[in-house]
Amino acid sequence: MALMGVQLVVSLLAVSIMQKMAPHYSFARWLLCSGRLLRFKHPSEGELCALAGKQIPSKTSRRDRRQNGQGEAKPLTVPKDIDLHLESTPVSVLDALVLRFFVEYQWLIDFAVYAMGICLFTEGYYFVVDASKEVNIGAIWCILTIFFCLRTLHTLMSHYFRSDEGGERSVCLAFGFLSLLLAMLVLVVREDYLEFGLEPGFLSVFENFEAFAKQQGFEWSVPFTRLGVKLGLAVICAVLGALLAFPGLRLAQTHLDAVQMNSDQRVIQILLHISFLSPLIVIVLWVKPLARDFLANAPMGKQAVTLLSGSAFDSVRLWVVVGLCALRLLLTRYHLQAYLNLAPKWVEQMKKEAGRIAAIDIQRKVTRVYCYLTVVTLQYLIPVLLVLFSTLALKSLGDYSWGLGADTPSVAPAPILPTAPPPPPALEDEDDLEDMEEDIQATVAHLSEALTALRAVLTPLFFRGLFAFLTWWVAVCQLISSMFGIYFHQYLMQS
């Protein structure tokens, strides 16, 4: 197995480019600071006093009140129905540097962009060269991207748990328990209805690992049970449900506002609705009676016609998921601008109320909307990246094909290769250079042997079931939370 191949060289080159180019050019900064997103400035005290028809108290008068023992001056208040209009300005790089979690946002999005480039190169490399014996570097980048996305979601959720209010914590826990119950129901559904391939995948891992353990001299069997594995997987699903709770709720709010913001553009509205319902399409693609069986035996009168073969359906499913993720990525700015428009929307709602409000409260409300821009961006992009890169990992590690006419090779458990004998000891008359070369060759041989044994245990059949279920479950969590968000913003907030 080649370790120091072309893929590894290109991967190291991408890491070097990412490190050198990050201070000068960043896709994450371009997404927010290209001039197409407009933020709204908070009004100053002078502007609010001018609109309210009163004079702003000077710093001298405030100091005189403190010296005369009259205490601090009362906060400046203005009527809520003042004719206030917020000034808009494009988001600049200097403005973005003060945003919360901006460093985490920039690093994650740039890493995902370079990971996508590595995946595209790997796919082209495998198409030109027969590199079946090499390690798929693109799949490793996909797994790393998934891990970093989950870590960032955990960071955001921990911020909610540290909040003093406690409402966000309750929402995360509620969605976590709901996801646990739903996952336990889903995992008992037969493969005839949900075709993830978890059962044959885990069975192949157990058998191969037991054979590998016996080959290494262990005479005991692997103490894995099907129930224990499913319970562990259900707990992981509960954690994912808690992590994806607020991204789904935020998506529902930005979707409603984006549709209203583009009320005069019917094409954009249709694309927004398709993008919002894309998790439902992903869910249906793995429901066997609604997807594979329908296309394999489509009713045409009294006969059943096969529209797609099994391998062609697998390729079409991958293309559909990638296309839906691309559509969501293209509509990112519409959702972000809809979120930034919450500031003038709140001002218009304030004008309809009676009474007075402190000027500092107006400034804080308008500023808070902009300060959480990167948090909202992460909540919108991370679920898309999870589905996209889990699909790419499913294709690479599951030995699927992008071609609609190509037959996917049948997956069988890989045989356990015999352990290679240790290299012979070096002769005493060999010089130091030859000893170093032999040490390097021995190290490469041992790494190759370890990777070969790992590939023999973790077969493509296992990766098919794991990443298919991960893709499907992320879509389920986002659909449930976003639908609840639609109900909350459409009915509960207006009642």
Protein backbone atom coordinates (compact mmCIF):
# COMPACT_ATOMS: atom_id res chain seq x y z
CA MET A 1 0.00 0.00 0.00
CA ALA A 2 1.51 3.28 -1.10
CA LEU A 3 1.76 5.81 1.70
CA MET A 4 3.92 8.59 0.26
CA GLY A 5 1.90 8.89 -2.95
CA VAL A 6 0.59 11.76 -5.02
CA GLN A 7 -2.43 12.21 -2.76
CA LEU A 8 -0.33 12.79 0.33
CA VAL A 9 1.90 15.27 -1.49
CA VAL A 10 -1.13 17.25 -2.69
CA SER A 11 -2.64 17.09 0.80
CA LEU A 12 0.51 18.51 2.40
CA LEU A 13 0.62 21.19 -0.28
CA ALA A 14 -2.99 22.14 0.50
CA VAL A 15 -2.16 22.45 4.20
CA SER A 16 0.76 24.73 3.40
CA ILE A 17 -1.34 26.89 1.06
CA MET A 18 -4.12 27.15 3.64
CA GLN A 19 -1.66 28.32 6.27
CA LYS A 20 0.01 30.88 3.99
CA MET A 21 -3.13 32.25 2.35
CA ALA A 22 -5.34 32.55 5.45
CA PRO A 23 -4.07 36.05 6.46
CA HIS A 24 -4.41 37.36 2.88
CA TYR A 25 -7.45 35.65 1.40
CA SER A 26 -10.20 33.72 3.12
CA PHE A 27 -13.39 32.34 1.63
CA ALA A 28 -15.11 32.81 4.98
CA ARG A 29 -14.24 36.53 5.03
CA TRP A 30 -15.35 36.88 1.40
CA LEU A 31 -18.71 35.34 2.22
CA LEU A 32 -19.45 37.98 4.86
CA CYS A 33 -17.35 40.95 3.74
CA SER A 34 -17.72 41.07 -0.04
CA GLY A 35 -20.09 44.05 0.19
CA ARG A 36 -23.34 42.21 -0.55
CA LEU A 37 -24.45 41.88 3.07
CA LEU A 38 -25.79 45.03 4.70
CA ARG A 39 -25.71 45.54 8.45
CA PHE A 40 -27.59 48.23 10.35
CA LYS A 41 -25.91 50.75 12.64
CA HIS A 42 -27.38 51.53 16.02
CA PRO A 43 -28.54 55.13 16.49
CA SER A 44 -26.54 57.43 18.73
CA GLU A 45 -28.02 59.27 21.71
CA GLY A 46 -27.89 62.51 19.75
CA GLU A 47 -29.95 61.06 16.92
CA LEU A 48 -32.52 59.63 19.32
CA CYS A 49 -32.82 62.94 21.20
CA ALA A 50 -33.24 64.82 17.92
CA LEU A 51 -36.03 62.46 16.86
CA ALA A 52 -37.67 62.79 20.29
CA GLY A 53 -37.41 66.59 20.21
CA LYS A 54 -35.28 66.94 23.33
CA GLN A 55 -31.75 68.03 24.05
CA ILE A 56 -29.16 65.44 24.94
CA PRO A 57 -27.73 65.99 28.44
CA SER A 58 -24.12 67.08 28.28
CA LYS A 59 -21.27 65.42 30.14
CA THR A 60 -20.83 68.61 32.22
CA SER A 61 -24.36 68.50 33.58
CA ARG A 62 -23.97 64.82 34.44
CA ARG A 63 -20.74 65.58 36.32
CA ASP A 64 -22.42 68.46 38.17
CA ARG A 65 -25.23 66.15 39.30
CA ARG A 66 -22.72 63.70 40.74
CA GLN A 67 -20.81 66.48 42.52
CA ASN A 68 -24.02 67.90 44.03
CA GLY A 69 -24.86 64.50 45.51
CA GLN A 70 -27.85 63.92 43.28
CA GLY A 71 -26.52 60.51 42.15
CA GLU A 72 -26.34 59.19 38.65
CA ALA A 73 -28.55 60.73 36.02
CA LYS A 74 -31.56 58.70 34.90
CA PRO A 75 -31.05 56.78 31.66
CA LEU A 76 -32.11 58.59 28.55
CA THR A 77 -35.55 57.45 27.40
CA VAL A 78 -37.41 58.20 24.21
CA PRO A 79 -40.94 57.44 22.99
CA LYS A 80 -41.27 54.10 21.23
CA ASP A 81 -43.21 55.61 18.33
CA ILE A 82 -40.41 57.93 17.16
CA ASP A 83 -39.68 58.09 13.45
CA LEU A 84 -36.51 55.99 13.65
CA HIS A 85 -34.85 54.61 10.51
CA LEU A 86 -31.66 52.62 10.83
CA GLU A 87 -28.73 53.40 8.58
CA SER A 88 -27.35 50.46 6.60
CA THR A 89 -23.74 49.87 5.58
CA PRO A 90 -21.91 46.93 3.95
CA VAL A 91 -20.17 44.51 6.30
CA SER A 92 -16.43 45.15 6.18
CA VAL A 93 -13.46 43.12 7.36
CA LEU A 94 -12.83 45.43 10.32
CA ASP A 95 -16.47 45.10 11.34
CA ALA A 96 -16.29 41.31 11.14
CA LEU A 97 -13.27 41.02 13.43
CA VAL A 98 -15.39 41.96 16.47
CA LEU A 99 -18.01 39.28 15.82
CA ARG A 100 -18.44 36.43 18.27
CA PHE A 101 -16.83 33.11 17.24
CA PHE A 102 -15.37 34.75 14.14
CA VAL A 103 -12.05 32.90 14.48
CA GLU A 104 -13.80 29.52 14.74
CA TYR A 105 -16.03 30.42 11.81
CA GLN A 106 -13.18 31.48 9.54
CA TRP A 107 -11.04 28.43 10.30
CA LEU A 108 -13.87 25.91 9.83
CA ILE A 109 -15.18 27.33 6.55
CA ASP A 110 -11.70 27.67 5.04
CA PHE A 111 -10.85 24.12 6.09
CA ALA A 112 -14.06 22.86 4.48
CA VAL A 113 -13.21 24.66 1.24
CA TYR A 114 -9.75 23.11 1.07
CA ALA A 115 -11.19 19.72 2.03
CA MET A 116 -13.58 20.01 -0.91
CA GLY A 117 -10.66 20.78 -3.20
CA ILE A 118 -8.79 17.70 -1.94
CA CYS A 119 -11.89 15.56 -2.52
CA LEU A 120 -12.25 16.82 -6.08
CA PHE A 121 -8.59 16.12 -6.76
CA THR A 122 -8.89 12.64 -5.24
CA GLU A 123 -11.91 11.82 -7.40
CA GLY A 124 -10.06 12.93 -10.51
CA TYR A 125 -6.96 11.01 -9.45
CA TYR A 126 -8.93 7.80 -8.91
CA PHE A 127 -10.65 8.29 -12.27
CA VAL A 128 -7.33 8.56 -14.14
CA VAL A 129 -5.14 6.19 -12.11
CA ASP A 130 -5.97 2.82 -10.60
CA ALA A 131 -5.15 3.71 -7.00
CA SER A 132 -7.26 1.10 -5.23
CA LYS A 133 -4.29 0.07 -3.05
CA GLU A 134 -3.62 3.61 -1.83
CA VAL A 135 -5.14 5.30 1.19
CA ASN A 136 -7.97 7.62 0.18
CA ILE A 137 -6.74 10.98 1.49
CA GLY A 138 -9.94 12.72 0.39
CA ALA A 139 -12.01 10.47 2.67
CA ILE A 140 -9.74 11.36 5.60
CA TRP A 141 -10.30 15.07 4.94
CA CYS A 142 -14.07 14.43 4.83
CA ILE A 143 -13.99 12.68 8.21
CA LEU A 144 -11.89 15.50 9.69
CA THR A 145 -14.37 18.08 8.40
CA ILE A 146 -17.26 16.19 9.99
CA PHE A 147 -15.37 16.04 13.28
CA PHE A 148 -14.57 19.76 13.26
CA CYS A 149 -18.19 20.63 12.42
CA LEU A 150 -19.43 18.61 15.38
CA ARG A 151 -16.81 20.19 17.63
CA THR A 152 -17.93 23.69 16.59
CA LEU A 153 -21.57 22.79 17.23
CA HIS A 154 -20.56 21.55 20.67
CA THR A 155 -18.84 24.87 21.34
CA LEU A 156 -21.99 26.77 20.40
CA MET A 157 -24.20 24.51 22.50
CA SER A 158 -21.89 24.86 25.52
CA HIS A 159 -22.37 28.63 25.19
CA TYR A 160 -26.12 28.07 25.58
CA PHE A 161 -25.54 25.86 28.62
CA ARG A 162 -23.49 28.61 30.30
CA SER A 163 -26.29 31.11 29.86
CA ASP A 164 -27.97 32.39 33.00
CA GLU A 165 -31.48 32.26 31.57
CA GLY A 166 -31.65 28.49 31.10
CA GLY A 167 -34.21 28.48 28.31
CA GLU A 168 -31.70 27.47 25.66
CA ARG A 169 -30.46 24.63 27.87
CA SER A 170 -33.98 23.27 28.21
CA VAL A 171 -34.53 23.38 24.46
CA CYS A 172 -31.31 21.42 23.78
CA LEU A 173 -32.18 18.79 26.38
CA ALA A 174 -35.74 18.45 25.08
CA PHE A 175 -34.57 17.88 21.52
CA GLY A 176 -31.91 15.47 22.78
CA PHE A 177 -34.46 13.26 24.57
CA LEU A 178 -36.83 13.47 21.60
CA SER A 179 -34.02 12.38 19.28
CA LEU A 180 -33.14 9.50 21.61
CA LEU A 181 -36.69 8.14 21.49
CA LEU A 182 -36.93 8.59 17.73
CA ALA A 183 -33.55 6.93 17.14
CA MET A 184 -34.55 3.90 19.19
CA LEU A 185 -37.63 3.55 17.02
CA VAL A 186 -35.70 3.98 13.78
CA LEU A 187 -33.03 1.42 14.70
CA VAL A 188 -35.60 -1.36 15.07
CA VAL A 189 -37.02 -0.77 11.59
CA ARG A 190 -36.10 -3.52 9.16
CA GLU A 191 -33.82 -2.98 6.19
CA ASP A 192 -36.80 -3.60 3.90
CA TYR A 193 -38.04 -0.12 4.78
CA LEU A 194 -34.93 1.91 5.68
CA GLU A 195 -32.00 0.68 3.62
CA PHE A 196 -29.01 1.97 5.54
CA GLY A 197 -27.14 -1.33 5.62
CA LEU A 198 -26.30 -1.07 9.33
CA GLU A 199 -27.01 -4.71 10.11
CA PRO A 200 -24.71 -6.28 7.48
CA GLY A 201 -22.12 -3.56 8.07
CA PHE A 202 -21.77 -4.18 11.81
CA LEU A 203 -21.95 -7.93 11.29
CA SER A 204 -19.00 -7.80 8.90
CA VAL A 205 -16.98 -5.73 11.40
CA PHE A 206 -17.65 -8.19 14.21
CA GLU A 207 -16.69 -11.19 12.12
CA ASN A 208 -13.56 -9.61 10.67
CA PHE A 209 -12.39 -8.29 14.02
CA GLU A 210 -12.89 -11.67 15.66
CA ALA A 211 -10.89 -13.33 12.88
CA PHE A 212 -8.17 -10.71 13.22
CA ALA A 213 -8.00 -11.23 17.00
CA LYS A 214 -7.65 -14.98 16.57
CA GLN A 215 -4.92 -14.42 13.98
CA GLN A 216 -2.98 -12.36 16.50
CA GLY A 217 -3.15 -15.20 19.04
CA PHE A 218 -6.25 -14.22 21.05
CA GLU A 219 -8.58 -17.17 21.55
CA TRP A 220 -11.50 -15.19 22.93
CA SER A 221 -14.45 -13.91 20.93
CA VAL A 222 -15.39 -10.26 20.61
CA PRO A 223 -17.96 -9.44 23.33
CA PHE A 224 -20.11 -7.22 21.15
CA THR A 225 -23.89 -7.49 21.17
CA ARG A 226 -26.33 -6.07 18.69
CA LEU A 227 -28.38 -4.41 21.42
CA GLY A 228 -25.37 -2.68 22.94
CA VAL A 229 -24.25 -1.30 19.57
CA LYS A 230 -27.73 0.04 18.82
CA LEU A 231 -28.01 1.65 22.24
CA GLY A 232 -24.66 3.36 21.74
CA LEU A 233 -25.75 4.54 18.31
CA ALA A 234 -29.00 5.87 19.78
CA VAL A 235 -27.05 7.91 22.34
CA ILE A 236 -24.95 9.39 19.52
CA CYS A 237 -28.17 10.25 17.69
CA ALA A 238 -29.47 12.00 20.81
CA VAL A 239 -26.33 14.12 21.01
CA LEU A 240 -26.68 15.04 17.32
CA GLY A 241 -30.31 15.98 17.91
CA ALA A 242 -29.31 18.32 20.73
CA LEU A 243 -26.52 19.86 18.65
CA LEU A 244 -28.82 20.49 15.67
CA ALA A 245 -31.74 21.92 17.66
CA PHE A 246 -30.91 25.60 17.41
CA PRO A 247 -29.59 25.43 13.81
CA GLY A 248 -32.99 24.12 12.75
CA LEU A 249 -34.89 26.73 14.76
CA ARG A 250 -32.72 29.47 13.28
CA LEU A 251 -33.21 28.10 9.77
CA ALA A 252 -36.98 28.32 10.17
CA GLN A 253 -36.78 31.98 11.17
CA THR A 254 -34.40 32.99 8.39
CA HIS A 255 -36.44 31.03 5.84
CA LEU A 256 -39.66 32.86 6.67
CA ASP A 257 -37.90 36.23 6.60
CA ALA A 258 -36.06 35.41 3.35
CA VAL A 259 -39.29 34.41 1.60
CA GLN A 260 -40.93 37.63 2.76
CA MET A 261 -37.87 39.68 1.77
CA ASN A 262 -37.96 38.25 -1.79
CA SER A 263 -41.72 38.46 -2.24
CA ASP A 264 -41.29 40.05 -5.70
CA GLN A 265 -38.95 37.30 -6.99
CA ARG A 266 -40.90 34.12 -7.60
CA VAL A 267 -37.90 32.08 -8.73
CA ILE A 268 -35.95 32.86 -5.57
CA GLN A 269 -38.98 31.98 -3.45
CA ILE A 270 -39.32 28.60 -5.17
CA LEU A 271 -35.61 27.89 -4.64
CA LEU A 272 -35.93 28.88 -0.98
CA HIS A 273 -38.83 26.47 -0.49
CA ILE A 274 -36.95 23.65 -2.23
CA SER A 275 -33.91 24.35 -0.08
CA PHE A 276 -36.01 24.32 3.10
CA LEU A 277 -37.63 20.98 2.17
CA SER A 278 -34.36 19.40 1.03
CA PRO A 279 -33.98 17.38 4.30
CA LEU A 280 -37.33 15.76 3.52
CA ILE A 281 -36.06 14.76 0.07
CA VAL A 282 -32.92 13.28 1.62
CA ILE A 283 -35.05 11.29 4.08
CA VAL A 284 -37.24 9.87 1.32
CA LEU A 285 -34.19 8.75 -0.69
CA TRP A 286 -33.38 6.11 1.96
CA VAL A 287 -36.98 4.90 2.39
CA LYS A 288 -36.89 1.81 0.21
CA PRO A 289 -40.61 1.51 -0.75
CA LEU A 290 -40.76 5.19 -1.76
CA ALA A 291 -37.45 5.45 -3.59
CA ARG A 292 -35.63 2.32 -4.75
CA ASP A 293 -38.64 0.03 -5.12
CA PHE A 294 -40.64 2.71 -6.92
CA LEU A 295 -37.91 3.36 -9.47
CA ALA A 296 -36.97 -0.29 -9.81
CA ASN A 297 -40.57 -1.39 -10.42
CA ALA A 298 -42.37 1.71 -11.64
CA PRO A 299 -46.01 0.92 -12.50
CA MET A 300 -46.72 1.55 -16.20
CA GLY A 301 -50.22 0.35 -16.82
CA LYS A 302 -50.36 -3.38 -16.11
CA GLN A 303 -46.61 -3.82 -16.25
CA ALA A 304 -43.73 -2.75 -14.06
CA VAL A 305 -40.84 -0.97 -15.76
CA THR A 306 -37.35 -0.69 -14.29
CA LEU A 307 -36.32 2.93 -14.60
CA LEU A 308 -33.01 2.67 -12.76
CA SER A 309 -30.84 -0.25 -11.83
CA GLY A 310 -29.58 -0.68 -8.29
CA SER A 311 -26.14 0.81 -8.96
CA ALA A 312 -27.61 3.67 -11.00
CA PHE A 313 -30.01 4.50 -8.17
CA ASP A 314 -27.10 4.66 -5.71
CA SER A 315 -25.31 7.14 -7.98
CA VAL A 316 -28.46 9.23 -8.53
CA ARG A 317 -29.01 9.38 -4.78
CA LEU A 318 -25.51 10.72 -4.23
CA TRP A 319 -25.96 13.31 -6.99
CA VAL A 320 -29.31 14.47 -5.58
CA VAL A 321 -27.91 14.95 -2.07
CA VAL A 322 -24.87 16.86 -3.36
CA GLY A 323 -27.12 19.01 -5.57
CA LEU A 324 -29.41 19.90 -2.66
CA CYS A 325 -26.40 20.85 -0.54
CA ALA A 326 -25.10 23.05 -3.37
CA LEU A 327 -28.49 24.77 -3.58
CA ARG A 328 -28.41 25.55 0.13
CA LEU A 329 -24.91 26.93 -0.13
CA LEU A 330 -25.94 29.19 -3.02
CA LEU A 331 -28.80 30.62 -0.95
CA THR A 332 -26.63 31.41 2.07
CA ARG A 333 -26.58 35.17 1.58
CA TYR A 334 -30.37 35.39 1.31
CA HIS A 335 -30.72 33.80 4.73
CA LEU A 336 -27.96 35.90 6.28
CA GLN A 337 -29.45 39.13 4.96
CA ALA A 338 -32.84 38.05 6.24
CA TYR A 339 -31.28 37.64 9.67
CA LEU A 340 -29.63 41.07 9.56
CA ASN A 341 -32.99 42.57 8.63
CA LEU A 342 -34.26 41.60 12.07
CA ALA A 343 -32.90 44.90 13.37
CA PRO A 344 -35.16 47.21 11.29
CA LYS A 345 -37.98 44.69 11.69
CA TRP A 346 -37.71 45.03 15.47
CA VAL A 347 -37.66 48.84 15.16
CA GLU A 348 -40.87 48.78 13.10
CA GLN A 349 -42.48 46.54 15.70
CA MET A 350 -41.35 48.89 18.47
CA LYS A 351 -43.03 51.86 16.76
CA LYS A 352 -46.41 50.13 17.11
CA GLU A 353 -46.07 49.96 20.90
CA ALA A 354 -46.89 52.66 23.42
CA GLY A 355 -44.69 54.03 26.17
CA ARG A 356 -41.03 54.92 26.41
CA ILE A 357 -37.83 52.92 26.07
CA ALA A 358 -34.28 53.55 27.16
CA ALA A 359 -31.91 54.62 24.41
CA ILE A 360 -29.33 52.09 25.57
CA ASP A 361 -31.88 49.29 25.07
CA ILE A 362 -32.40 50.32 21.44
CA GLN A 363 -28.68 50.41 20.84
CA ARG A 364 -28.13 47.02 22.48
CA LYS A 365 -30.94 45.37 20.55
CA VAL A 366 -29.69 46.60 17.18
CA THR A 367 -26.06 45.78 17.99
CA ARG A 368 -26.86 42.30 19.30
CA VAL A 369 -28.35 41.28 15.94
CA TYR A 370 -25.09 42.03 14.16
CA CYS A 371 -22.82 40.58 16.85
CA TYR A 372 -24.33 37.11 16.39
CA LEU A 373 -23.91 37.10 12.60
CA THR A 374 -21.13 34.50 12.58
CA VAL A 375 -23.07 32.30 15.02
CA VAL A 376 -26.06 32.34 12.67
CA THR A 377 -23.78 31.66 9.71
CA LEU A 378 -22.30 28.63 11.45
CA GLN A 379 -25.76 27.38 12.40
CA TYR A 380 -26.80 27.62 8.76
CA LEU A 381 -23.67 26.15 7.14
CA ILE A 382 -22.65 23.36 9.52
CA PRO A 383 -25.69 21.09 8.89
CA VAL A 384 -25.13 21.52 5.15
CA LEU A 385 -21.45 20.63 5.52
CA LEU A 386 -22.32 17.59 7.65
CA VAL A 387 -24.66 16.21 5.00
CA LEU A 388 -22.29 17.09 2.14
CA PHE A 389 -19.11 15.60 3.57
CA SER A 390 -20.83 12.53 5.00
CA THR A 391 -22.16 11.90 1.49
CA LEU A 392 -18.69 12.32 0.00
CA ALA A 393 -17.28 9.95 2.63
CA LEU A 394 -20.08 7.51 1.82
CA LYS A 395 -19.09 7.57 -1.84
CA SER A 396 -15.36 7.20 -1.22
CA LEU A 397 -15.32 4.66 1.60
CA GLY A 398 -18.40 2.77 0.40
CA ASP A 399 -16.95 2.13 -3.07
CA TYR A 400 -19.79 3.83 -4.88
CA SER A 401 -19.52 5.43 -8.31
CA TRP A 402 -20.61 8.79 -9.73
CA GLY A 403 -21.38 7.23 -13.11
CA LEU A 404 -25.04 6.48 -13.77
CA GLY A 405 -24.28 3.58 -16.07
CA ALA A 406 -21.45 1.97 -14.12
CA ASP A 407 -22.15 -1.05 -11.99
CA THR A 408 -21.15 -0.73 -8.37
CA PRO A 409 -19.00 -3.70 -7.44
CA SER A 410 -20.44 -6.03 -4.88
CA VAL A 411 -18.93 -5.53 -1.47
CA ALA A 412 -17.61 -8.56 0.37
CA PRO A 413 -15.69 -8.70 3.63
CA ALA A 414 -12.02 -8.17 2.90
CA PRO A 415 -9.77 -11.06 3.82
CA ILE A 416 -7.31 -10.70 6.65
CA LEU A 417 -3.84 -10.71 5.21
CA PRO A 418 -1.22 -12.78 6.98
CA THR A 419 1.13 -10.97 9.25
CA ALA A 420 4.41 -10.16 7.55
CA PRO A 421 7.50 -11.56 9.24
CA PRO A 422 9.79 -9.04 10.93
CA PRO A 423 12.70 -7.80 8.85
CA PRO A 424 15.98 -9.61 9.32
CA PRO A 425 18.46 -7.96 11.69
CA ALA A 426 21.02 -5.69 10.12
CA LEU A 427 24.52 -7.00 9.64
CA GLU A 428 27.25 -5.53 11.73
CA ASP A 429 29.32 -4.43 8.76
CA GLU A 430 26.57 -2.22 7.26
CA ASP A 431 27.11 1.49 7.50
CA ASP A 432 24.77 3.97 9.23
CA LEU A 433 23.08 5.11 6.02
CA GLU A 434 21.94 1.63 5.15
CA ASP A 435 20.69 1.13 8.71
CA MET A 436 18.63 4.29 8.46
CA GLU A 437 17.14 3.21 5.13
CA GLU A 438 16.22 -0.17 6.53
CA ASP A 439 14.57 1.45 9.56
CA ILE A 440 12.50 3.65 7.28
CA GLN A 441 11.51 0.69 5.14
CA ALA A 442 10.59 -1.31 8.24
CA THR A 443 8.46 1.56 9.56
CA VAL A 444 6.65 1.92 6.23
CA ALA A 445 6.10 -1.83 6.12
CA HIS A 446 4.60 -1.84 9.61
CA LEU A 447 2.32 1.11 8.78
CA SER A 448 1.25 -0.60 5.58
CA GLU A 449 0.51 -3.76 7.50
CA ALA A 450 -1.54 -1.88 10.11
CA LEU A 451 -3.54 -0.02 7.46
CA THR A 452 -4.14 -3.25 5.56
CA ALA A 453 -5.46 -4.91 8.71
CA LEU A 454 -7.66 -1.87 9.40
CA ARG A 455 -9.10 -1.98 5.89
CA ALA A 456 -9.75 -5.68 6.34
CA VAL A 457 -11.78 -5.03 9.50
CA LEU A 458 -13.54 -1.81 8.47
CA THR A 459 -14.93 -2.91 5.14
CA PRO A 460 -16.81 -0.72 2.62
CA LEU A 461 -19.97 -2.53 3.74
CA PHE A 462 -19.52 -1.02 7.20
CA PHE A 463 -18.84 2.49 5.87
CA ARG A 464 -21.92 2.30 3.66
CA GLY A 465 -24.18 1.68 6.62
CA LEU A 466 -22.46 4.18 8.93
CA PHE A 467 -22.32 7.22 6.64
CA ALA A 468 -25.70 6.53 5.04
CA PHE A 469 -27.26 6.54 8.49
CA LEU A 470 -25.31 9.68 9.49
CA THR A 471 -26.47 11.54 6.38
CA TRP A 472 -30.05 10.46 6.89
CA TRP A 473 -30.11 11.25 10.61
CA VAL A 474 -28.71 14.78 10.20
CA ALA A 475 -31.50 15.43 7.69
CA VAL A 476 -34.09 14.05 10.14
CA CYS A 477 -32.86 16.23 13.00
CA GLN A 478 -32.84 19.35 10.87
CA LEU A 479 -36.31 18.64 9.47
CA ILE A 480 -37.82 18.13 12.93
CA SER A 481 -36.24 21.23 14.46
CA SER A 482 -36.99 23.45 11.46
CA MET A 483 -40.62 22.33 11.28
CA PHE A 484 -40.99 23.05 14.98
CA GLY A 485 -39.41 26.44 14.32
CA ILE A 486 -41.96 27.17 11.60
CA TYR A 487 -44.79 26.30 13.98
CA PHE A 488 -43.23 28.41 16.73
CA HIS A 489 -42.69 31.55 14.63
CA GLN A 490 -45.94 31.29 12.67
CA TYR A 491 -48.37 30.43 15.44
CA LEU A 492 -46.91 30.60 18.95
CA MET A 493 -45.17 33.96 18.46
CA GLN A 494 -48.28 35.53 16.95
CA SER A 495 -50.75 34.21 19.51
